[in-house]
């Protein structure tokens, strides 16, 4: 079995649904960058959702006060 065929098992925990296998010669820096880009995009989506919620809440409060 060559070095490229050897596999390394990584425990990803509950968030990663168990374990995953990568080749021993895999570019771990690239894998780390891909994982971090997923987390940063989730963070950006969370911030956008928070901003929309705050704007909607503000508009509802303004129009509720204005209507009464």
Protein backbone atom coordinates (compact mmCIF):
# COMPACT_ATOMS: atom_id res chain seq x y z
CA UNK A 1 0.00 0.00 0.00
CA UNK A 2 1.53 3.34 -1.01
CA UNK A 3 1.53 6.49 1.12
CA UNK A 4 -1.26 7.99 -1.00
CA UNK A 5 -3.51 4.99 -0.34
CA UNK A 6 -3.14 5.12 3.43
CA UNK A 7 -6.14 6.61 5.21
CA UNK A 8 -6.33 8.60 8.42
CA UNK A 9 -9.54 8.53 10.45
CA UNK A 10 -10.49 11.86 12.06
CA UNK A 11 -13.13 12.16 14.75
CA UNK A 12 -15.37 15.10 13.79
CA UNK A 13 -17.55 15.00 16.89
CA UNK A 14 -21.30 15.44 17.03
CA UNK A 15 -21.31 18.48 14.73
CA UNK A 16 -19.52 16.51 12.02
CA UNK A 17 -21.69 13.41 12.48
CA UNK A 18 -18.96 11.01 13.61
CA UNK A 19 -15.74 10.34 11.76
CA UNK A 20 -14.27 10.96 8.34
CA UNK A 21 -11.41 9.42 6.40
CA UNK A 22 -8.79 11.36 4.46
CA UNK A 23 -5.67 10.18 2.72
CA UNK A 24 -2.46 10.49 4.69
CA UNK A 25 -0.92 12.75 2.03
CA UNK A 26 -3.92 15.12 1.86
CA UNK A 27 -3.36 18.85 1.86
CA UNK A 28 -4.59 19.61 5.38
CA UNK A 29 -4.20 23.38 4.93
CA UNK A 30 -6.69 23.32 2.06
CA UNK A 31 -9.11 21.23 4.14
CA UNK A 32 -8.83 23.68 7.03
CA UNK A 33 -9.48 26.65 4.74
CA UNK A 34 -12.56 24.96 3.32
CA UNK A 35 -13.90 24.23 6.80
CA UNK A 36 -13.30 27.79 7.99
CA UNK A 37 -14.98 29.24 4.90
CA UNK A 38 -18.12 27.26 5.75
CA UNK A 39 -18.15 28.70 9.27
CA UNK A 40 -17.59 32.26 8.04
CA UNK A 41 -20.42 32.00 5.52
CA UNK A 42 -22.75 30.73 8.26
CA UNK A 43 -21.71 33.68 10.39
CA UNK A 44 -22.47 36.12 7.56
CA UNK A 45 -25.89 34.57 7.04
CA UNK A 46 -26.60 34.88 10.78
CA UNK A 47 -25.65 38.56 10.77
CA UNK A 48 -27.87 39.27 7.74
CA UNK A 49 -30.79 37.47 9.39
CA UNK A 50 -30.27 39.46 12.59
CA UNK A 51 -30.24 42.75 10.68
CA UNK A 52 -33.47 41.84 8.86
CA UNK A 53 -35.12 40.93 12.16
CA UNK A 54 -34.07 44.21 13.75
CA UNK A 55 -35.33 46.25 10.78
CA UNK A 56 -38.63 44.39 10.74
CA UNK A 57 -39.07 44.84 14.49
CA UNK A 58 -38.33 48.55 14.20
CA UNK A 59 -40.83 49.01 11.35
CA UNK A 60 -43.54 47.10 13.23
CA UNK A 61 -42.99 49.24 16.32
CA UNK A 62 -43.03 52.48 14.31
CA UNK A 63 -46.22 51.63 12.41
CA UNK A 64 -47.94 50.27 15.53
CA UNK A 65 -47.22 53.52 17.37
CA UNK A 66 -48.26 55.55 14.29
CA UNK A 67 -51.55 53.67 13.84
CA UNK A 68 -52.66 54.18 17.46
